[in-house]
N, C-alpha and C. Protein backbone atom coordinates (compact mmCIF):
# COMPACT_ATOMS: atom_id res chain seq x y z
N MET A 1 -178.12 -39.48 91.83
CA MET A 1 -177.86 -39.10 93.21
C MET A 1 -178.61 -40.07 94.13
N GLU A 2 -177.93 -40.52 95.15
CA GLU A 2 -178.51 -41.42 96.15
C GLU A 2 -179.13 -40.60 97.28
N HIS A 3 -179.97 -41.23 98.05
CA HIS A 3 -180.53 -40.64 99.26
C HIS A 3 -180.65 -41.77 100.28
N LYS A 4 -179.54 -42.10 100.91
CA LYS A 4 -179.46 -43.23 101.84
C LYS A 4 -179.52 -42.71 103.28
N HIS A 5 -180.30 -43.39 104.11
CA HIS A 5 -180.48 -42.96 105.49
C HIS A 5 -180.44 -44.18 106.41
N LEU A 6 -179.45 -44.22 107.27
CA LEU A 6 -179.31 -45.28 108.25
C LEU A 6 -179.76 -44.73 109.61
N LEU A 7 -180.68 -45.45 110.24
CA LEU A 7 -181.14 -45.10 111.59
C LEU A 7 -180.75 -46.24 112.52
N VAL A 8 -180.09 -45.91 113.60
CA VAL A 8 -179.61 -46.92 114.55
C VAL A 8 -180.15 -46.61 115.93
N ASN A 9 -180.55 -47.67 116.63
CA ASN A 9 -180.98 -47.59 118.01
C ASN A 9 -180.24 -48.71 118.74
N ALA A 10 -179.46 -48.36 119.76
CA ALA A 10 -178.70 -49.36 120.50
C ALA A 10 -178.72 -49.04 121.98
N THR A 11 -178.63 -50.08 122.80
CA THR A 11 -178.51 -49.87 124.24
C THR A 11 -177.21 -50.50 124.73
N PHE A 12 -176.69 -49.93 125.81
CA PHE A 12 -175.41 -50.36 126.37
C PHE A 12 -175.51 -50.41 127.88
N LYS A 13 -174.72 -51.30 128.48
CA LYS A 13 -174.63 -51.31 129.94
C LYS A 13 -174.11 -49.95 130.39
N GLU A 14 -173.05 -49.48 129.71
CA GLU A 14 -172.52 -48.13 129.93
C GLU A 14 -172.20 -47.53 128.59
N THR A 15 -172.82 -46.41 128.26
CA THR A 15 -172.60 -45.80 126.96
C THR A 15 -171.14 -45.38 126.80
N PRO A 16 -170.57 -45.62 125.64
CA PRO A 16 -169.21 -45.13 125.39
C PRO A 16 -169.20 -43.63 125.09
N PHE A 17 -170.38 -43.06 124.88
CA PHE A 17 -170.46 -41.66 124.46
C PHE A 17 -170.78 -40.76 125.66
N LEU A 18 -169.82 -40.71 126.58
CA LEU A 18 -169.93 -39.87 127.78
C LEU A 18 -169.09 -38.62 127.67
N ASP A 19 -168.15 -38.62 126.76
CA ASP A 19 -167.16 -37.55 126.65
C ASP A 19 -167.32 -36.82 125.31
N ILE A 20 -167.35 -35.49 125.36
CA ILE A 20 -167.52 -34.68 124.15
C ILE A 20 -166.40 -34.94 123.16
N GLY A 21 -165.15 -34.92 123.62
CA GLY A 21 -164.01 -35.13 122.73
C GLY A 21 -164.03 -36.49 122.06
N PHE A 22 -164.35 -37.54 122.84
CA PHE A 22 -164.42 -38.88 122.28
C PHE A 22 -165.51 -38.96 121.20
N THR A 23 -166.67 -38.39 121.50
CA THR A 23 -167.80 -38.45 120.56
C THR A 23 -167.46 -37.74 119.26
N GLN A 24 -166.87 -36.57 119.35
CA GLN A 24 -166.47 -35.84 118.13
C GLN A 24 -165.45 -36.63 117.32
N SER A 25 -164.49 -37.21 118.00
CA SER A 25 -163.47 -38.02 117.33
C SER A 25 -164.08 -39.25 116.68
N TRP A 26 -165.03 -39.89 117.36
CA TRP A 26 -165.67 -41.09 116.83
C TRP A 26 -166.47 -40.76 115.57
N LEU A 27 -167.19 -39.64 115.59
CA LEU A 27 -167.93 -39.25 114.39
C LEU A 27 -167.00 -38.99 113.22
N SER A 28 -165.87 -38.33 113.47
CA SER A 28 -164.88 -38.10 112.41
C SER A 28 -164.37 -39.42 111.84
N LYS A 29 -164.13 -40.38 112.72
CA LYS A 29 -163.67 -41.70 112.29
C LYS A 29 -164.70 -42.37 111.39
N ILE A 30 -165.97 -42.29 111.77
CA ILE A 30 -167.03 -42.91 110.98
C ILE A 30 -167.10 -42.28 109.59
N VAL A 31 -167.03 -40.96 109.53
CA VAL A 31 -167.05 -40.25 108.25
C VAL A 31 -165.94 -40.77 107.35
N ASP A 32 -164.76 -40.91 107.90
CA ASP A 32 -163.61 -41.42 107.14
C ASP A 32 -163.83 -42.86 106.69
N LEU A 33 -164.30 -43.70 107.61
CA LEU A 33 -164.48 -45.12 107.30
C LEU A 33 -165.51 -45.37 106.19
N ILE A 34 -166.54 -44.52 106.11
CA ILE A 34 -167.55 -44.73 105.08
C ILE A 34 -167.26 -43.95 103.80
N GLY A 35 -166.07 -43.36 103.75
CA GLY A 35 -165.64 -42.70 102.51
C GLY A 35 -166.31 -41.36 102.24
N MET A 36 -166.69 -40.67 103.30
CA MET A 36 -167.32 -39.36 103.14
C MET A 36 -166.29 -38.27 103.43
N GLU A 37 -166.72 -37.03 103.25
CA GLU A 37 -165.84 -35.89 103.44
C GLU A 37 -166.51 -34.90 104.40
N ILE A 38 -165.77 -34.47 105.42
CA ILE A 38 -166.32 -33.54 106.41
C ILE A 38 -166.46 -32.15 105.80
N LEU A 39 -167.66 -31.58 105.95
CA LEU A 39 -167.92 -30.20 105.54
C LEU A 39 -167.74 -29.26 106.74
N HIS A 40 -168.17 -29.72 107.91
CA HIS A 40 -167.97 -28.98 109.17
C HIS A 40 -167.64 -29.99 110.25
N GLU A 41 -166.58 -29.72 110.98
CA GLU A 41 -166.12 -30.64 112.02
C GLU A 41 -167.24 -31.00 112.98
N PRO A 42 -167.20 -32.21 113.54
CA PRO A 42 -168.24 -32.62 114.49
C PRO A 42 -168.32 -31.68 115.68
N ILE A 43 -169.54 -31.48 116.12
CA ILE A 43 -169.82 -30.67 117.31
C ILE A 43 -170.61 -31.57 118.27
N ALA A 44 -170.20 -31.58 119.52
CA ALA A 44 -170.91 -32.36 120.53
C ALA A 44 -171.14 -31.47 121.75
N VAL A 45 -172.27 -31.66 122.38
CA VAL A 45 -172.60 -30.93 123.60
C VAL A 45 -173.18 -31.92 124.61
N LYS A 46 -173.02 -31.58 125.86
CA LYS A 46 -173.53 -32.43 126.95
C LYS A 46 -174.79 -31.77 127.50
N CYS A 47 -175.84 -32.56 127.62
CA CYS A 47 -177.09 -32.08 128.22
C CYS A 47 -177.17 -32.64 129.64
N ASN A 48 -177.46 -31.78 130.59
CA ASN A 48 -177.60 -32.21 131.98
C ASN A 48 -179.02 -32.09 132.49
N GLU A 49 -179.96 -31.88 131.58
CA GLU A 49 -181.37 -31.77 131.95
C GLU A 49 -181.86 -33.11 132.48
N LYS A 50 -182.58 -33.08 133.60
CA LYS A 50 -183.07 -34.31 134.22
C LYS A 50 -183.85 -35.16 133.20
N ASP A 51 -183.56 -36.43 133.20
CA ASP A 51 -184.17 -37.43 132.31
C ASP A 51 -183.75 -37.29 130.85
N ASN A 52 -182.83 -36.40 130.57
CA ASN A 52 -182.34 -36.23 129.20
C ASN A 52 -180.81 -36.11 129.18
N GLU A 53 -180.16 -36.56 130.27
CA GLU A 53 -178.71 -36.43 130.38
C GLU A 53 -178.01 -37.26 129.31
N GLY A 54 -177.06 -36.62 128.64
CA GLY A 54 -176.29 -37.33 127.64
C GLY A 54 -175.65 -36.39 126.64
N ILE A 55 -175.09 -36.98 125.62
CA ILE A 55 -174.38 -36.25 124.56
C ILE A 55 -175.27 -36.17 123.33
N SER A 56 -175.30 -35.00 122.72
CA SER A 56 -175.89 -34.82 121.40
C SER A 56 -174.78 -34.28 120.51
N ALA A 57 -174.70 -34.81 119.30
CA ALA A 57 -173.61 -34.43 118.40
C ALA A 57 -174.06 -34.50 116.95
N PHE A 58 -173.39 -33.72 116.12
CA PHE A 58 -173.65 -33.82 114.69
C PHE A 58 -172.39 -33.48 113.92
N CYS A 59 -172.38 -33.92 112.69
CA CYS A 59 -171.28 -33.62 111.79
C CYS A 59 -171.88 -33.40 110.40
N LEU A 60 -171.58 -32.27 109.81
CA LEU A 60 -172.02 -32.02 108.44
C LEU A 60 -170.98 -32.60 107.49
N ILE A 61 -171.46 -33.38 106.54
CA ILE A 61 -170.58 -33.92 105.51
C ILE A 61 -171.00 -33.31 104.17
N THR A 62 -170.13 -33.40 103.19
CA THR A 62 -170.42 -32.76 101.91
C THR A 62 -171.68 -33.33 101.27
N THR A 63 -172.07 -34.52 101.65
CA THR A 63 -173.26 -35.16 101.08
C THR A 63 -174.44 -35.20 102.05
N SER A 64 -174.33 -34.64 103.24
CA SER A 64 -175.44 -34.45 104.18
C SER A 64 -174.95 -34.40 105.62
N HIS A 65 -175.28 -35.41 106.47
CA HIS A 65 -174.96 -35.27 107.89
C HIS A 65 -174.99 -36.60 108.65
N LEU A 66 -174.40 -36.54 109.85
CA LEU A 66 -174.52 -37.59 110.86
C LEU A 66 -175.02 -36.90 112.13
N SER A 67 -175.91 -37.56 112.86
CA SER A 67 -176.31 -37.02 114.16
C SER A 67 -176.38 -38.17 115.16
N LEU A 68 -176.06 -37.86 116.40
CA LEU A 68 -175.97 -38.86 117.45
C LEU A 68 -176.56 -38.27 118.73
N HIS A 69 -177.33 -39.08 119.43
CA HIS A 69 -177.87 -38.70 120.73
C HIS A 69 -177.70 -39.88 121.67
N SER A 70 -177.21 -39.61 122.87
CA SER A 70 -177.07 -40.67 123.87
C SER A 70 -177.75 -40.24 125.16
N TRP A 71 -178.29 -41.22 125.84
CA TRP A 71 -178.93 -40.99 127.13
C TRP A 71 -178.20 -41.84 128.15
N GLU A 72 -177.38 -41.19 128.97
CA GLU A 72 -176.48 -41.92 129.87
C GLU A 72 -177.11 -42.32 131.20
N LYS A 73 -178.25 -41.76 131.56
CA LYS A 73 -178.88 -42.09 132.84
C LYS A 73 -179.97 -43.13 132.70
N ARG A 74 -180.32 -43.48 131.49
CA ARG A 74 -181.31 -44.55 131.28
C ARG A 74 -180.66 -45.89 131.56
N THR A 75 -181.47 -46.83 131.98
CA THR A 75 -180.96 -48.18 132.22
C THR A 75 -181.72 -49.14 131.31
N PRO A 76 -181.06 -49.74 130.32
CA PRO A 76 -179.68 -49.50 129.91
C PRO A 76 -179.54 -48.16 129.18
N ASN A 77 -178.30 -47.72 129.02
CA ASN A 77 -178.03 -46.47 128.31
C ASN A 77 -178.50 -46.61 126.86
N LEU A 78 -179.00 -45.52 126.32
CA LEU A 78 -179.57 -45.53 124.97
C LEU A 78 -178.74 -44.66 124.03
N LEU A 79 -178.61 -45.12 122.79
CA LEU A 79 -177.93 -44.36 121.73
C LEU A 79 -178.81 -44.39 120.50
N GLN A 80 -178.95 -43.23 119.86
CA GLN A 80 -179.60 -43.16 118.55
C GLN A 80 -178.65 -42.44 117.61
N LEU A 81 -178.49 -43.00 116.43
CA LEU A 81 -177.56 -42.46 115.44
C LEU A 81 -178.25 -42.42 114.09
N ASP A 82 -178.13 -41.31 113.40
CA ASP A 82 -178.62 -41.17 112.03
C ASP A 82 -177.45 -40.84 111.12
N VAL A 83 -177.39 -41.50 109.98
CA VAL A 83 -176.41 -41.17 108.95
C VAL A 83 -177.21 -41.01 107.66
N TYR A 84 -177.16 -39.82 107.10
CA TYR A 84 -177.89 -39.53 105.86
C TYR A 84 -176.90 -39.03 104.83
N SER A 85 -177.00 -39.56 103.62
CA SER A 85 -176.06 -39.15 102.57
C SER A 85 -176.67 -39.27 101.18
N CYS A 86 -176.30 -38.36 100.33
CA CYS A 86 -176.66 -38.42 98.91
C CYS A 86 -175.65 -39.26 98.14
N LYS A 87 -174.76 -39.90 98.86
CA LYS A 87 -173.77 -40.81 98.28
C LYS A 87 -173.94 -42.15 98.99
N ASP A 88 -173.86 -43.23 98.25
CA ASP A 88 -174.03 -44.56 98.83
C ASP A 88 -172.93 -44.84 99.86
N PHE A 89 -173.26 -45.61 100.90
CA PHE A 89 -172.27 -46.01 101.89
C PHE A 89 -172.64 -47.39 102.42
N ASP A 90 -171.66 -48.03 103.03
CA ASP A 90 -171.84 -49.38 103.56
C ASP A 90 -172.25 -49.30 105.03
N GLN A 91 -173.51 -49.62 105.31
CA GLN A 91 -174.01 -49.54 106.68
C GLN A 91 -173.30 -50.53 107.60
N ALA A 92 -172.79 -51.62 107.07
CA ALA A 92 -172.13 -52.64 107.89
C ALA A 92 -170.89 -52.08 108.59
N ILE A 93 -170.23 -51.12 107.96
CA ILE A 93 -169.04 -50.50 108.58
C ILE A 93 -169.44 -49.81 109.88
N ILE A 94 -170.53 -49.08 109.85
CA ILE A 94 -170.99 -48.36 111.04
C ILE A 94 -171.44 -49.35 112.11
N GLU A 95 -172.17 -50.37 111.70
CA GLU A 95 -172.64 -51.38 112.65
C GLU A 95 -171.46 -52.10 113.31
N GLU A 96 -170.41 -52.39 112.54
CA GLU A 96 -169.22 -53.04 113.11
C GLU A 96 -168.52 -52.13 114.11
N GLU A 97 -168.47 -50.83 113.83
CA GLU A 97 -167.83 -49.89 114.76
C GLU A 97 -168.61 -49.77 116.06
N LEU A 98 -169.93 -49.84 115.99
CA LEU A 98 -170.74 -49.81 117.21
C LEU A 98 -170.65 -51.13 117.97
N ASP A 99 -170.48 -52.23 117.25
CA ASP A 99 -170.39 -53.55 117.87
C ASP A 99 -169.17 -53.67 118.77
N ILE A 100 -168.14 -52.87 118.52
CA ILE A 100 -166.93 -52.86 119.36
C ILE A 100 -167.30 -52.55 120.81
N PHE A 101 -168.36 -51.74 121.00
CA PHE A 101 -168.77 -51.32 122.35
C PHE A 101 -169.72 -52.32 123.01
N LYS A 102 -169.94 -53.47 122.38
CA LYS A 102 -170.74 -54.55 122.93
C LYS A 102 -172.15 -54.11 123.37
N PRO A 103 -172.97 -53.69 122.41
CA PRO A 103 -174.33 -53.27 122.77
C PRO A 103 -175.15 -54.43 123.33
N ILE A 104 -176.08 -54.10 124.20
CA ILE A 104 -177.02 -55.08 124.73
C ILE A 104 -178.06 -55.39 123.66
N THR A 105 -178.60 -54.31 123.07
CA THR A 105 -179.53 -54.46 121.96
C THR A 105 -179.04 -53.59 120.82
N PHE A 106 -179.41 -53.97 119.61
CA PHE A 106 -179.01 -53.20 118.44
C PHE A 106 -180.08 -53.37 117.36
N GLY A 107 -180.58 -52.25 116.87
CA GLY A 107 -181.53 -52.29 115.78
C GLY A 107 -181.18 -51.22 114.78
N SER A 108 -181.42 -51.49 113.52
CA SER A 108 -181.16 -50.47 112.50
C SER A 108 -182.17 -50.60 111.37
N LYS A 109 -182.34 -49.49 110.69
CA LYS A 109 -183.19 -49.45 109.51
C LYS A 109 -182.42 -48.66 108.46
N PHE A 110 -182.38 -49.19 107.25
CA PHE A 110 -181.66 -48.53 106.16
C PHE A 110 -182.69 -48.15 105.11
N LEU A 111 -182.84 -46.86 104.88
CA LEU A 111 -183.86 -46.37 103.96
C LEU A 111 -183.25 -45.79 102.69
N ASP A 112 -183.92 -46.04 101.59
CA ASP A 112 -183.61 -45.35 100.34
C ASP A 112 -184.67 -44.26 100.22
N ARG A 113 -184.28 -43.00 100.41
CA ARG A 113 -185.24 -41.91 100.47
C ARG A 113 -185.42 -41.19 99.13
N ARG A 114 -184.97 -41.81 98.04
CA ARG A 114 -185.22 -41.19 96.74
C ARG A 114 -186.73 -41.12 96.51
N ILE A 115 -187.17 -40.02 95.98
CA ILE A 115 -188.59 -39.86 95.66
C ILE A 115 -188.77 -40.16 94.19
N ARG A 116 -189.66 -41.06 93.93
CA ARG A 116 -189.93 -41.45 92.56
C ARG A 116 -191.29 -40.90 92.13
N ASN A 117 -191.35 -40.37 90.92
CA ASN A 117 -192.63 -39.90 90.40
C ASN A 117 -193.56 -41.09 90.22
N THR A 118 -194.80 -40.89 90.57
CA THR A 118 -195.79 -41.94 90.39
C THR A 118 -196.94 -41.39 89.56
N LYS A 119 -197.69 -42.26 88.97
CA LYS A 119 -198.84 -41.86 88.17
C LYS A 119 -199.78 -40.99 89.00
N GLY A 120 -200.22 -39.89 88.44
CA GLY A 120 -201.16 -39.01 89.13
C GLY A 120 -200.49 -38.01 90.05
N TRP A 121 -199.18 -37.89 90.01
CA TRP A 121 -198.46 -36.99 90.92
C TRP A 121 -198.84 -35.54 90.74
N ARG A 122 -199.29 -35.13 89.55
CA ARG A 122 -199.61 -33.73 89.28
C ARG A 122 -200.77 -33.21 90.13
N LYS A 123 -201.67 -34.08 90.55
CA LYS A 123 -202.82 -33.62 91.32
C LYS A 123 -202.43 -33.07 92.68
N PHE A 124 -201.20 -33.35 93.12
CA PHE A 124 -200.75 -32.87 94.43
C PHE A 124 -200.05 -31.51 94.34
N ILE A 125 -199.81 -31.02 93.14
CA ILE A 125 -199.12 -29.75 92.96
C ILE A 125 -200.17 -28.64 92.83
N LYS A 126 -200.03 -27.62 93.65
CA LYS A 126 -200.98 -26.49 93.59
C LYS A 126 -200.31 -25.34 92.88
N ASN A 127 -201.02 -24.71 91.98
CA ASN A 127 -200.49 -23.53 91.25
C ASN A 127 -200.82 -22.27 91.99
């Protein structure tokens, strides 16, 4: 079993994630493109709290989840996206889909979150 986690941070002149319907549809598209299966349809909500205005969304997949947060009032607009799965996926597909929106900045980190036993691990277990 894999434990892959992609974290993305991108900024845009104008965030493409201003609309709940668009954001939900985009998450569904990403799930399909990376070969995953939706467990629960994407849900997106709009936050209008001062200094936190934007869309927050998530989608449960059979192998874990995707979550997205956008801040539309920041200059430049900010997007953070997490994709976590117990099944391997190609992070380049997601990066290419975000590149369509012409980000100003783009950073990502791809983690392998498998936990490996190490020598002396028993001392951390309490009975």
